[in-house]
Amino acid sequence: MILTPIPRAELTEFLDRFMGGLADRLSREAFARIRATSPDRAAGVEAEQHRLAALAVARGLGMPIHPEGTPCRFNWDGAALNGATEAYVILHEAAHFALAPPERRGLIEFGLGPGPDTLDRNAAERAAVLPLLEREADEAAASLLGIIWEAALGQPALASFLDQNWLEGLDRSAATHFAAVVETLRQRDLLKIERAPAASTAPKGG
């Protein structure tokens, strides 16, 4: 949910200001690719195509996916992904999977506590193993990694960038925070600006 909605007529100005705060080449390149996508969510047939592409990314990372029709209380229950959701949610969970060490991949919601779509919030909170600040850092990294993969797939990454509040604090810390998370992803060799993981090439999760 966007904390501070931006009028569509002012969006270009806001994006220009954000770009102006990015000093390093890699951050500017990552943001340029995000900005080149649509600020509007896909719908109908296009949304389903995006969902299937996102599921292919998840499979490419080695994520098991629950069969269609399986009741799911969590996006990730420690064993398999709920695939009956939007493409951007699937990519976000795939990013969490890529970021998580093996011991957290076996935990409900990766041991991060409940997310916005978690139905059994008490169970997710009981499974949480990271302190709040580390959860927030992991959420930021997964958010941006999922958005970068959306851009690589030609999906509306800008819509996710706005929804996930990357412009919040525009004149204070937004650009600095973005650049810091880009650097975190680079250091972990997860910054796939050119393409999202493909089922045939991505490493298997362990």
N, C-alpha and C. Protein backbone atom coordinates (compact mmCIF):
# COMPACT_ATOMS: atom_id res chain seq x y z
N MET A 1 0.85 -1.19 0.00
CA MET A 1 0.00 0.00 0.00
C MET A 1 0.88 1.24 0.00
N ILE A 2 0.59 2.19 -0.89
CA ILE A 2 1.37 3.41 -0.98
C ILE A 2 1.09 4.28 0.23
N LEU A 3 2.15 4.67 0.94
CA LEU A 3 1.98 5.50 2.13
C LEU A 3 1.56 6.91 1.76
N THR A 4 2.22 7.47 0.74
CA THR A 4 1.90 8.82 0.27
C THR A 4 1.58 8.75 -1.21
N PRO A 5 0.30 8.70 -1.59
CA PRO A 5 -0.04 8.60 -3.01
C PRO A 5 0.52 9.77 -3.81
N ILE A 6 0.97 9.47 -5.02
CA ILE A 6 1.53 10.49 -5.91
C ILE A 6 0.56 10.72 -7.06
N PRO A 7 0.06 11.94 -7.23
CA PRO A 7 -0.83 12.21 -8.37
C PRO A 7 -0.14 11.84 -9.68
N ARG A 8 -0.86 11.19 -10.57
CA ARG A 8 -0.26 10.73 -11.81
C ARG A 8 0.37 11.87 -12.61
N ALA A 9 -0.22 13.05 -12.55
CA ALA A 9 0.32 14.18 -13.30
C ALA A 9 1.69 14.61 -12.77
N GLU A 10 2.00 14.24 -11.53
CA GLU A 10 3.27 14.64 -10.92
C GLU A 10 4.30 13.52 -10.90
N LEU A 11 3.94 12.35 -11.42
CA LEU A 11 4.81 11.19 -11.30
C LEU A 11 6.15 11.41 -12.01
N THR A 12 6.14 11.96 -13.20
CA THR A 12 7.39 12.19 -13.93
C THR A 12 8.34 13.07 -13.13
N GLU A 13 7.82 14.10 -12.52
CA GLU A 13 8.65 14.98 -11.70
C GLU A 13 9.25 14.24 -10.52
N PHE A 14 8.45 13.42 -9.86
CA PHE A 14 8.94 12.66 -8.71
C PHE A 14 10.04 11.68 -9.13
N LEU A 15 9.83 11.01 -10.27
CA LEU A 15 10.82 10.05 -10.74
C LEU A 15 12.11 10.75 -11.14
N ASP A 16 11.99 11.93 -11.74
CA ASP A 16 13.18 12.70 -12.10
C ASP A 16 13.97 13.10 -10.85
N ARG A 17 13.27 13.50 -9.82
CA ARG A 17 13.93 13.89 -8.57
C ARG A 17 14.64 12.70 -7.94
N PHE A 18 13.99 11.55 -7.99
CA PHE A 18 14.61 10.34 -7.44
C PHE A 18 15.88 10.00 -8.21
N MET A 19 15.80 10.01 -9.53
CA MET A 19 16.97 9.72 -10.36
C MET A 19 18.10 10.70 -10.06
N GLY A 20 17.74 11.95 -9.84
CA GLY A 20 18.75 12.95 -9.54
C GLY A 20 19.51 12.69 -8.25
N GLY A 21 18.92 11.91 -7.35
CA GLY A 21 19.59 11.60 -6.09
C GLY A 21 20.46 10.37 -6.14
N LEU A 22 20.48 9.67 -7.29
CA LEU A 22 21.28 8.46 -7.43
C LEU A 22 22.64 8.82 -8.02
N ALA A 23 23.70 8.56 -7.29
CA ALA A 23 25.02 9.00 -7.72
C ALA A 23 25.79 7.94 -8.50
N ASP A 24 25.53 6.66 -8.22
CA ASP A 24 26.36 5.62 -8.85
C ASP A 24 25.68 5.04 -10.08
N ARG A 25 26.50 4.55 -10.99
CA ARG A 25 26.01 4.06 -12.28
C ARG A 25 25.06 2.88 -12.13
N LEU A 26 25.40 1.94 -11.23
CA LEU A 26 24.59 0.73 -11.11
C LEU A 26 23.18 1.05 -10.62
N SER A 27 23.08 1.93 -9.64
CA SER A 27 21.75 2.31 -9.13
C SER A 27 20.95 3.03 -10.19
N ARG A 28 21.60 3.90 -10.93
CA ARG A 28 20.90 4.65 -11.98
C ARG A 28 20.42 3.70 -13.08
N GLU A 29 21.26 2.72 -13.41
CA GLU A 29 20.86 1.75 -14.44
C GLU A 29 19.68 0.90 -13.96
N ALA A 30 19.74 0.45 -12.70
CA ALA A 30 18.65 -0.36 -12.17
C ALA A 30 17.35 0.43 -12.16
N PHE A 31 17.42 1.67 -11.71
CA PHE A 31 16.21 2.48 -11.65
C PHE A 31 15.69 2.80 -13.05
N ALA A 32 16.57 3.05 -13.99
CA ALA A 32 16.13 3.35 -15.36
C ALA A 32 15.34 2.19 -15.94
N ARG A 33 15.75 0.96 -15.64
CA ARG A 33 15.03 -0.20 -16.16
C ARG A 33 13.66 -0.34 -15.49
N ILE A 34 13.61 -0.04 -14.21
CA ILE A 34 12.33 -0.06 -13.50
C ILE A 34 11.41 1.02 -14.06
N ARG A 35 11.96 2.21 -14.23
CA ARG A 35 11.16 3.35 -14.69
C ARG A 35 10.59 3.12 -16.09
N ALA A 36 11.27 2.35 -16.91
CA ALA A 36 10.83 2.12 -18.29
C ALA A 36 9.59 1.24 -18.37
N THR A 37 9.15 0.67 -17.24
CA THR A 37 7.97 -0.21 -17.24
C THR A 37 6.72 0.57 -16.86
N SER A 38 5.60 -0.11 -16.87
CA SER A 38 4.31 0.54 -16.62
C SER A 38 4.07 0.79 -15.13
N PRO A 39 3.44 1.93 -14.78
CA PRO A 39 3.04 2.16 -13.40
C PRO A 39 1.70 1.52 -13.06
N ASP A 40 1.10 0.82 -14.01
CA ASP A 40 -0.23 0.22 -13.82
C ASP A 40 -0.14 -1.29 -13.82
N ARG A 41 -0.86 -1.93 -12.91
CA ARG A 41 -0.90 -3.38 -12.85
C ARG A 41 -1.54 -3.97 -14.11
N ALA A 42 -1.07 -5.13 -14.50
CA ALA A 42 -1.70 -5.84 -15.60
C ALA A 42 -3.03 -6.43 -15.14
N ALA A 43 -3.88 -6.75 -16.12
CA ALA A 43 -5.19 -7.33 -15.82
C ALA A 43 -5.50 -8.39 -16.87
N GLY A 44 -6.46 -9.25 -16.53
CA GLY A 44 -6.98 -10.21 -17.50
C GLY A 44 -5.93 -11.19 -18.00
N VAL A 45 -5.93 -11.41 -19.31
CA VAL A 45 -5.02 -12.38 -19.93
C VAL A 45 -3.57 -12.01 -19.69
N GLU A 46 -3.26 -10.73 -19.76
CA GLU A 46 -1.88 -10.29 -19.56
C GLU A 46 -1.41 -10.61 -18.14
N ALA A 47 -2.26 -10.39 -17.16
CA ALA A 47 -1.90 -10.69 -15.77
C ALA A 47 -1.62 -12.18 -15.59
N GLU A 48 -2.41 -13.03 -16.24
CA GLU A 48 -2.18 -14.47 -16.14
C GLU A 48 -0.88 -14.86 -16.82
N GLN A 49 -0.56 -14.24 -17.94
CA GLN A 49 0.73 -14.51 -18.59
C GLN A 49 1.88 -14.12 -17.67
N HIS A 50 1.73 -12.98 -16.99
CA HIS A 50 2.76 -12.54 -16.06
C HIS A 50 2.90 -13.53 -14.90
N ARG A 51 1.76 -14.04 -14.42
CA ARG A 51 1.80 -14.99 -13.31
C ARG A 51 2.56 -16.25 -13.71
N LEU A 52 2.28 -16.76 -14.90
CA LEU A 52 2.95 -17.96 -15.36
C LEU A 52 4.45 -17.73 -15.53
N ALA A 53 4.83 -16.55 -16.02
CA ALA A 53 6.25 -16.22 -16.15
C ALA A 53 6.91 -16.14 -14.78
N ALA A 54 6.21 -15.57 -13.80
CA ALA A 54 6.75 -15.49 -12.45
C ALA A 54 6.92 -16.88 -11.84
N LEU A 55 5.97 -17.77 -12.09
CA LEU A 55 6.09 -19.14 -11.59
C LEU A 55 7.29 -19.84 -12.22
N ALA A 56 7.58 -19.54 -13.47
CA ALA A 56 8.75 -20.13 -14.12
C ALA A 56 10.03 -19.67 -13.44
N VAL A 57 10.07 -18.41 -13.01
CA VAL A 57 11.22 -17.90 -12.27
C VAL A 57 11.36 -18.66 -10.95
N ALA A 58 10.24 -18.81 -10.24
CA ALA A 58 10.28 -19.53 -8.96
C ALA A 58 10.78 -20.96 -9.15
N ARG A 59 10.27 -21.64 -10.15
CA ARG A 59 10.72 -23.00 -10.42
C ARG A 59 12.21 -23.02 -10.77
N GLY A 60 12.64 -22.01 -11.53
CA GLY A 60 14.04 -21.93 -11.91
C GLY A 60 14.97 -21.80 -10.72
N LEU A 61 14.45 -21.23 -9.65
CA LEU A 61 15.23 -21.10 -8.42
C LEU A 61 15.16 -22.35 -7.55
N GLY A 62 14.35 -23.30 -7.95
CA GLY A 62 14.21 -24.53 -7.19
C GLY A 62 13.08 -24.52 -6.18
N MET A 63 12.12 -23.59 -6.31
CA MET A 63 11.01 -23.51 -5.36
C MET A 63 9.91 -24.51 -5.74
N PRO A 64 9.53 -25.42 -4.85
CA PRO A 64 8.33 -26.21 -5.09
C PRO A 64 7.09 -25.31 -5.06
N ILE A 65 6.07 -25.68 -5.81
CA ILE A 65 4.85 -24.87 -5.89
C ILE A 65 3.65 -25.77 -5.61
N HIS A 66 2.78 -25.32 -4.72
CA HIS A 66 1.59 -26.12 -4.41
C HIS A 66 0.73 -26.29 -5.66
N PRO A 67 0.11 -27.45 -5.84
CA PRO A 67 -0.82 -27.64 -6.96
C PRO A 67 -1.99 -26.66 -6.87
N GLU A 68 -2.53 -26.33 -8.03
CA GLU A 68 -3.68 -25.42 -8.06
C GLU A 68 -4.82 -25.98 -7.21
N GLY A 69 -5.49 -25.10 -6.48
CA GLY A 69 -6.59 -25.50 -5.63
C GLY A 69 -6.20 -25.87 -4.21
N THR A 70 -4.89 -25.90 -3.93
CA THR A 70 -4.44 -26.22 -2.58
C THR A 70 -4.73 -25.04 -1.64
N PRO A 71 -5.44 -25.26 -0.54
CA PRO A 71 -5.66 -24.16 0.42
C PRO A 71 -4.31 -23.75 1.03
N CYS A 72 -4.01 -22.47 1.02
CA CYS A 72 -2.73 -21.98 1.51
C CYS A 72 -2.94 -20.88 2.54
N ARG A 73 -2.41 -21.10 3.73
CA ARG A 73 -2.48 -20.07 4.77
C ARG A 73 -1.31 -19.10 4.70
N PHE A 74 -0.30 -19.47 3.90
CA PHE A 74 0.92 -18.67 3.80
C PHE A 74 1.33 -18.54 2.34
N ASN A 75 2.10 -17.51 2.03
CA ASN A 75 2.70 -17.45 0.70
C ASN A 75 3.75 -18.54 0.55
N TRP A 76 4.51 -18.77 1.62
CA TRP A 76 5.52 -19.83 1.65
C TRP A 76 5.39 -20.54 3.00
N ASP A 77 5.09 -21.82 2.98
CA ASP A 77 4.83 -22.54 4.23
C ASP A 77 6.02 -23.35 4.71
N GLY A 78 7.18 -23.09 4.13
CA GLY A 78 8.38 -23.83 4.49
C GLY A 78 8.63 -25.02 3.61
N ALA A 79 7.64 -25.35 2.77
CA ALA A 79 7.77 -26.50 1.87
C ALA A 79 7.48 -26.15 0.42
N ALA A 80 6.51 -25.25 0.19
CA ALA A 80 6.12 -24.92 -1.18
C ALA A 80 5.46 -23.54 -1.23
N LEU A 81 5.42 -22.99 -2.42
CA LEU A 81 4.91 -21.65 -2.68
C LEU A 81 3.43 -21.69 -3.04
N ASN A 82 2.68 -20.72 -2.55
CA ASN A 82 1.31 -20.51 -3.02
C ASN A 82 1.39 -19.82 -4.38
N GLY A 83 1.08 -20.56 -5.43
CA GLY A 83 1.18 -20.00 -6.78
C GLY A 83 -0.07 -19.30 -7.25
N ALA A 84 -1.15 -19.34 -6.45
CA ALA A 84 -2.43 -18.76 -6.86
C ALA A 84 -2.53 -17.32 -6.40
N THR A 85 -1.55 -16.52 -6.80
CA THR A 85 -1.54 -15.11 -6.44
C THR A 85 -0.94 -14.31 -7.58
N GLU A 86 -0.76 -13.01 -7.39
CA GLU A 86 -0.30 -12.14 -8.48
C GLU A 86 1.18 -12.36 -8.78
N ALA A 87 1.56 -12.03 -10.00
CA ALA A 87 2.95 -12.23 -10.43
C ALA A 87 3.93 -11.50 -9.52
N TYR A 88 3.62 -10.28 -9.14
CA TYR A 88 4.58 -9.52 -8.33
C TYR A 88 4.75 -10.13 -6.94
N VAL A 89 3.70 -10.76 -6.41
CA VAL A 89 3.82 -11.43 -5.12
C VAL A 89 4.70 -12.67 -5.26
N ILE A 90 4.51 -13.42 -6.33
CA ILE A 90 5.32 -14.61 -6.58
C ILE A 90 6.79 -14.24 -6.71
N LEU A 91 7.08 -13.18 -7.45
CA LEU A 91 8.47 -12.76 -7.62
C LEU A 91 9.07 -12.27 -6.31
N HIS A 92 8.26 -11.61 -5.50
CA HIS A 92 8.74 -11.17 -4.19
C HIS A 92 9.11 -12.37 -3.32
N GLU A 93 8.27 -13.41 -3.33
CA GLU A 93 8.56 -14.60 -2.55
C GLU A 93 9.77 -15.34 -3.12
N ALA A 94 9.89 -15.35 -4.44
CA ALA A 94 11.07 -15.97 -5.06
C ALA A 94 12.33 -15.23 -4.64
N ALA A 95 12.25 -13.92 -4.52
CA ALA A 95 13.40 -13.14 -4.07
C ALA A 95 13.76 -13.49 -2.63
N HIS A 96 12.74 -13.65 -1.77
CA HIS A 96 13.01 -14.09 -0.40
C HIS A 96 13.73 -15.44 -0.40
N PHE A 97 13.28 -16.34 -1.26
CA PHE A 97 13.89 -17.67 -1.35
C PHE A 97 15.36 -17.55 -1.76
N ALA A 98 15.63 -16.69 -2.74
CA ALA A 98 17.01 -16.51 -3.20
C ALA A 98 17.89 -15.92 -2.10
N LEU A 99 17.33 -15.06 -1.28
CA LEU A 99 18.08 -14.40 -0.22
C LEU A 99 18.27 -15.27 1.02
N ALA A 100 17.34 -16.19 1.26
CA ALA A 100 17.34 -16.94 2.52
C ALA A 100 18.41 -18.03 2.53
N PRO A 101 19.11 -18.21 3.66
CA PRO A 101 19.99 -19.36 3.79
C PRO A 101 19.16 -20.63 3.91
N PRO A 102 19.77 -21.79 3.69
CA PRO A 102 19.00 -23.04 3.70
C PRO A 102 18.16 -23.25 4.95
N GLU A 103 18.68 -22.85 6.11
CA GLU A 103 17.92 -23.11 7.34
C GLU A 103 16.65 -22.28 7.44
N ARG A 104 16.58 -21.15 6.76
CA ARG A 104 15.34 -20.35 6.79
C ARG A 104 14.38 -20.73 5.68
N ARG A 105 14.86 -21.42 4.66
CA ARG A 105 13.95 -21.84 3.59
C ARG A 105 12.94 -22.87 4.07
N GLY A 106 13.24 -23.54 5.15
CA GLY A 106 12.31 -24.53 5.70
C GLY A 106 11.35 -23.96 6.71
N LEU A 107 11.31 -22.64 6.87
CA LEU A 107 10.43 -22.01 7.85
C LEU A 107 9.27 -21.30 7.18
N ILE A 108 8.14 -21.23 7.87
CA ILE A 108 6.99 -20.47 7.39
C ILE A 108 7.41 -19.03 7.12
N GLU A 109 7.07 -18.52 5.95
CA GLU A 109 7.39 -17.15 5.53
C GLU A 109 8.86 -16.83 5.76
N PHE A 110 9.71 -17.84 5.57
CA PHE A 110 11.16 -17.70 5.66
C PHE A 110 11.63 -17.19 7.03
N GLY A 111 10.82 -17.42 8.05
CA GLY A 111 11.20 -17.00 9.39
C GLY A 111 11.18 -15.50 9.60
N LEU A 112 10.42 -14.79 8.75
CA LEU A 112 10.37 -13.33 8.80
C LEU A 112 9.10 -12.80 9.47
N GLY A 113 8.23 -13.69 9.91
CA GLY A 113 6.97 -13.24 10.46
C GLY A 113 5.93 -13.06 9.36
N PRO A 114 4.70 -12.70 9.73
CA PRO A 114 3.62 -12.61 8.74
C PRO A 114 3.83 -11.48 7.74
N GLY A 115 3.42 -11.75 6.50
CA GLY A 115 3.41 -10.72 5.47
C GLY A 115 1.99 -10.21 5.28
N PRO A 116 1.80 -9.28 4.34
CA PRO A 116 0.48 -8.70 4.13
C PRO A 116 -0.59 -9.72 3.77
N ASP A 117 -0.21 -10.81 3.08
CA ASP A 117 -1.19 -11.80 2.62
C ASP A 117 -1.26 -13.04 3.51
N THR A 118 -0.49 -13.08 4.59
CA THR A 118 -0.48 -14.25 5.46
C THR A 118 -1.83 -14.39 6.16
N LEU A 119 -2.45 -15.56 6.07
CA LEU A 119 -3.75 -15.79 6.71
C LEU A 119 -3.58 -16.20 8.17
N ASP A 120 -2.65 -17.10 8.45
CA ASP A 120 -2.42 -17.54 9.83
C ASP A 120 -1.25 -16.73 10.40
N ARG A 121 -1.55 -15.53 10.86
CA ARG A 121 -0.52 -14.61 11.30
C ARG A 121 0.16 -15.09 12.59
N ASN A 122 -0.58 -15.74 13.45
CA ASN A 122 0.01 -16.23 14.70
C ASN A 122 1.07 -17.29 14.43
N ALA A 123 0.76 -18.22 13.54
CA ALA A 123 1.73 -19.27 13.22
C ALA A 123 2.98 -18.68 12.57
N ALA A 124 2.78 -17.69 11.70
CA ALA A 124 3.93 -17.05 11.05
C ALA A 124 4.80 -16.31 12.06
N GLU A 125 4.16 -15.67 13.01
CA GLU A 125 4.93 -14.95 14.03
C GLU A 125 5.70 -15.92 14.92
N ARG A 126 5.10 -17.04 15.23
CA ARG A 126 5.80 -18.05 16.04
C ARG A 126 7.02 -18.61 15.31
N ALA A 127 6.95 -18.63 13.99
CA ALA A 127 8.05 -19.18 13.19
C ALA A 127 9.16 -18.16 12.94
N ALA A 128 8.93 -16.90 13.31
CA ALA A 128 9.91 -15.85 13.04
C ALA A 128 11.18 -16.07 13.85
N VAL A 129 12.32 -15.90 13.20
CA VAL A 129 13.61 -16.12 13.87
C VAL A 129 14.52 -14.89 13.80
N LEU A 130 14.18 -13.92 12.96
CA LEU A 130 15.03 -12.74 12.83
C LEU A 130 14.49 -11.58 13.65
N PRO A 131 15.37 -10.77 14.24
CA PRO A 131 14.91 -9.56 14.91
C PRO A 131 14.37 -8.56 13.91
N LEU A 132 13.64 -7.56 14.41
CA LEU A 132 12.90 -6.66 13.55
C LEU A 132 13.78 -5.96 12.52
N LEU A 133 14.92 -5.43 12.92
CA LEU A 133 15.77 -4.70 11.97
C LEU A 133 16.27 -5.60 10.86
N GLU A 134 16.61 -6.84 11.18
CA GLU A 134 17.05 -7.78 10.14
C GLU A 134 15.89 -8.17 9.23
N ARG A 135 14.69 -8.29 9.79
CA ARG A 135 13.51 -8.54 8.94
C ARG A 135 13.32 -7.41 7.94
N GLU A 136 13.44 -6.17 8.43
CA GLU A 136 13.24 -5.01 7.56
C GLU A 136 14.28 -4.98 6.44
N ALA A 137 15.52 -5.30 6.76
CA ALA A 137 16.57 -5.32 5.74
C ALA A 137 16.30 -6.40 4.70
N ASP A 138 15.85 -7.58 5.16
CA ASP A 138 15.54 -8.66 4.24
C ASP A 138 14.35 -8.30 3.36
N GLU A 139 13.35 -7.65 3.95
CA GLU A 139 12.18 -7.24 3.17
C GLU A 139 12.57 -6.23 2.10
N ALA A 140 13.44 -5.29 2.43
CA ALA A 140 13.87 -4.30 1.44
C ALA A 140 14.62 -4.97 0.30
N ALA A 141 15.52 -5.89 0.63
CA ALA A 141 16.28 -6.58 -0.41
C ALA A 141 15.36 -7.42 -1.30
N ALA A 142 14.41 -8.14 -0.69
CA ALA A 142 13.48 -8.96 -1.48
C ALA A 142 12.57 -8.08 -2.33
N SER A 143 12.14 -6.97 -1.78
CA SER A 143 11.29 -6.04 -2.53
C SER A 143 12.00 -5.59 -3.80
N LEU A 144 13.22 -5.09 -3.64
CA LEU A 144 13.92 -4.55 -4.80
C LEU A 144 14.32 -5.65 -5.78
N LEU A 145 14.75 -6.80 -5.28
CA LEU A 145 15.12 -7.89 -6.18
C LEU A 145 13.91 -8.34 -7.00
N GLY A 146 12.76 -8.48 -6.35
CA GLY A 146 11.56 -8.86 -7.08
C GLY A 146 11.19 -7.83 -8.13
N ILE A 147 11.33 -6.56 -7.80
CA ILE A 147 11.02 -5.48 -8.74
C ILE A 147 11.99 -5.51 -9.92
N ILE A 148 13.26 -5.74 -9.66
CA ILE A 148 14.24 -5.84 -10.75
C ILE A 148 13.91 -7.00 -11.67
N TRP A 149 13.47 -8.12 -11.09
CA TRP A 149 13.08 -9.26 -11.93
C TRP A 149 11.82 -8.92 -12.73
N GLU A 150 10.88 -8.19 -12.13
CA GLU A 150 9.71 -7.75 -12.89
C GLU A 150 10.13 -6.95 -14.12
N ALA A 151 11.06 -6.03 -13.92
CA ALA A 151 11.53 -5.21 -15.04
C ALA A 151 12.19 -6.09 -16.10
N ALA A 152 12.98 -7.07 -15.68
CA ALA A 152 13.66 -7.96 -16.62
C ALA A 152 12.66 -8.77 -17.44
N LEU A 153 11.50 -9.06 -16.85
CA LEU A 153 10.46 -9.82 -17.54
C LEU A 153 9.52 -8.94 -18.35
N GLY A 154 9.72 -7.63 -18.30
CA GLY A 154 8.82 -6.71 -19.00
C GLY A 154 7.50 -6.53 -18.30
N GLN A 155 7.43 -6.84 -17.01
CA GLN A 155 6.22 -6.66 -16.23
C GLN A 155 6.22 -5.29 -15.56
N PRO A 156 5.09 -4.84 -15.01
CA PRO A 156 4.99 -3.47 -14.48
C PRO A 156 5.75 -3.27 -13.17
N ALA A 157 7.07 -3.26 -13.28
CA ALA A 157 7.93 -3.09 -12.11
C ALA A 157 7.71 -1.73 -11.45
N LEU A 158 7.42 -0.72 -12.25
CA LEU A 158 7.21 0.62 -11.68
C LEU A 158 6.00 0.63 -10.75
N ALA A 159 4.98 -0.14 -11.08
CA ALA A 159 3.82 -0.23 -10.20
C ALA A 159 4.22 -0.79 -8.84
N SER A 160 5.06 -1.81 -8.83
CA SER A 160 5.53 -2.37 -7.56
C SER A 160 6.45 -1.40 -6.84
N PHE A 161 7.29 -0.72 -7.58
CA PHE A 161 8.19 0.29 -6.99
C PHE A 161 7.39 1.34 -6.24
N LEU A 162 6.28 1.76 -6.82
CA LEU A 162 5.43 2.76 -6.17
C LEU A 162 4.66 2.15 -5.01
N ASP A 163 4.07 0.98 -5.22
CA ASP A 163 3.26 0.33 -4.18
C ASP A 163 4.09 0.00 -2.95
N GLN A 164 5.36 -0.33 -3.16
CA GLN A 164 6.22 -0.75 -2.06
C GLN A 164 7.03 0.42 -1.49
N ASN A 165 6.60 1.63 -1.83
CA ASN A 165 7.02 2.86 -1.14
C ASN A 165 8.49 3.20 -1.29
N TRP A 166 9.08 2.92 -2.45
CA TRP A 166 10.47 3.29 -2.66
C TRP A 166 10.67 4.79 -2.84
N LEU A 167 9.60 5.53 -3.08
CA LEU A 167 9.70 6.99 -3.18
C LEU A 167 9.40 7.69 -1.86
N GLU A 168 9.03 6.93 -0.84
CA GLU A 168 8.75 7.55 0.46
C GLU A 168 10.03 8.18 1.00
N GLY A 169 9.93 9.41 1.50
CA GLY A 169 11.11 10.14 1.95
C GLY A 169 11.97 10.60 0.80
N LEU A 170 11.32 11.01 -0.28
CA LEU A 170 12.01 11.36 -1.52
C LEU A 170 13.12 12.38 -1.32
N ASP A 171 12.88 13.40 -0.53
CA ASP A 171 13.86 14.46 -0.35
C ASP A 171 14.75 14.23 0.87
N ARG A 172 14.67 13.03 1.45
CA ARG A 172 15.52 12.74 2.60
C ARG A 172 16.42 11.53 2.31
N SER A 173 15.86 10.35 2.34
CA SER A 173 16.71 9.15 2.30
C SER A 173 16.34 8.15 1.22
N ALA A 174 15.34 8.43 0.39
CA ALA A 174 14.85 7.40 -0.54
C ALA A 174 15.94 6.94 -1.50
N ALA A 175 16.63 7.87 -2.14
CA ALA A 175 17.65 7.49 -3.11
C ALA A 175 18.83 6.79 -2.45
N THR A 176 19.23 7.27 -1.28
CA THR A 176 20.34 6.66 -0.55
C THR A 176 19.98 5.22 -0.15
N HIS A 177 18.74 5.03 0.30
CA HIS A 177 18.29 3.69 0.69
C HIS A 177 18.28 2.76 -0.52
N PHE A 178 17.76 3.23 -1.63
CA PHE A 178 17.73 2.44 -2.85
C PHE A 178 19.14 2.02 -3.25
N ALA A 179 20.07 2.96 -3.26
CA ALA A 179 21.45 2.67 -3.66
C ALA A 179 22.08 1.66 -2.71
N ALA A 180 21.78 1.76 -1.42
CA ALA A 180 22.35 0.83 -0.45
C ALA A 180 21.84 -0.58 -0.68
N VAL A 181 20.55 -0.72 -1.02
CA VAL A 181 20.00 -2.05 -1.26
C VAL A 181 20.53 -2.62 -2.58
N VAL A 182 20.68 -1.76 -3.59
CA VAL A 182 21.31 -2.21 -4.83
C VAL A 182 22.70 -2.77 -4.54
N GLU A 183 23.46 -2.09 -3.72
CA GLU A 183 24.80 -2.56 -3.38
C GLU A 183 24.75 -3.88 -2.62
N THR A 184 23.79 -4.04 -1.73
CA THR A 184 23.63 -5.31 -1.03
C THR A 184 23.39 -6.45 -2.01
N LEU A 185 22.52 -6.23 -2.98
CA LEU A 185 22.23 -7.26 -3.98
C LEU A 185 23.46 -7.54 -4.84
N ARG A 186 24.20 -6.49 -5.18
CA ARG A 186 25.42 -6.69 -5.97
C ARG A 186 26.43 -7.54 -5.21
N GLN A 187 26.62 -7.23 -3.94
CA GLN A 187 27.59 -7.97 -3.14
C GLN A 187 27.20 -9.44 -3.01
N ARG A 188 25.91 -9.72 -3.03
CA ARG A 188 25.45 -11.10 -2.91
C ARG A 188 25.29 -11.79 -4.28
N ASP A 189 25.72 -11.09 -5.32
CA ASP A 189 25.65 -11.62 -6.68
C ASP A 189 24.22 -11.98 -7.07
N LEU A 190 23.27 -11.14 -6.64
CA LEU A 190 21.86 -11.37 -6.94
C LEU A 190 21.28 -10.27 -7.81
N LEU A 191 22.09 -9.34 -8.24
CA LEU A 191 21.58 -8.21 -8.99
C LEU A 191 21.52 -8.59 -10.47
N LYS A 192 20.41 -9.19 -10.86
CA LYS A 192 20.24 -9.65 -12.24
C LYS A 192 19.49 -8.58 -13.03
N ILE A 193 20.21 -7.55 -13.43
CA ILE A 193 19.56 -6.46 -14.14
C ILE A 193 19.15 -6.88 -15.55
N GLU A 194 19.97 -7.68 -16.19
CA GLU A 194 19.71 -8.03 -17.59
C GLU A 194 18.53 -8.99 -17.75
N ARG A 195 18.37 -9.91 -16.80
CA ARG A 195 17.32 -10.92 -16.97
C ARG A 195 16.93 -11.50 -15.63
N ALA A 196 15.74 -12.05 -15.58
CA ALA A 196 15.32 -12.81 -14.41
C ALA A 196 15.83 -14.23 -14.54
N PRO A 197 15.94 -14.96 -13.43
CA PRO A 197 16.40 -16.36 -13.52
C PRO A 197 15.47 -17.17 -14.41
N ALA A 198 16.04 -18.01 -15.23
CA ALA A 198 15.24 -18.89 -16.09
C ALA A 198 15.33 -20.30 -15.56
N ALA A 199 14.29 -21.08 -15.82
CA ALA A 199 14.23 -22.44 -15.29
C ALA A 199 15.42 -23.27 -15.77
N SER A 200 15.95 -22.94 -16.95
CA SER A 200 17.02 -23.75 -17.49
C SER A 200 18.40 -23.34 -17.00
N THR A 201 18.53 -22.14 -16.39
CA THR A 201 19.86 -21.63 -16.06
C THR A 201 20.05 -21.29 -14.60
N ALA A 202 18.97 -21.07 -13.85
CA ALA A 202 19.14 -20.61 -12.47
C ALA A 202 19.62 -21.74 -11.58
N PRO A 203 20.43 -21.43 -10.54
CA PRO A 203 20.86 -22.47 -9.62
C PRO A 203 19.71 -22.99 -8.79
N LYS A 204 19.79 -24.22 -8.41
CA LYS A 204 18.76 -24.83 -7.58
C LYS A 204 18.90 -24.39 -6.13
N GLY A 205 17.75 -24.17 -5.48
CA GLY A 205 17.80 -23.84 -4.05
C GLY A 205 18.14 -25.08 -3.25
N GLY A 206 18.82 -24.85 -2.08
CA GLY A 206 19.20 -26.02 -1.32
C GLY A 206 18.82 -25.92 0.10
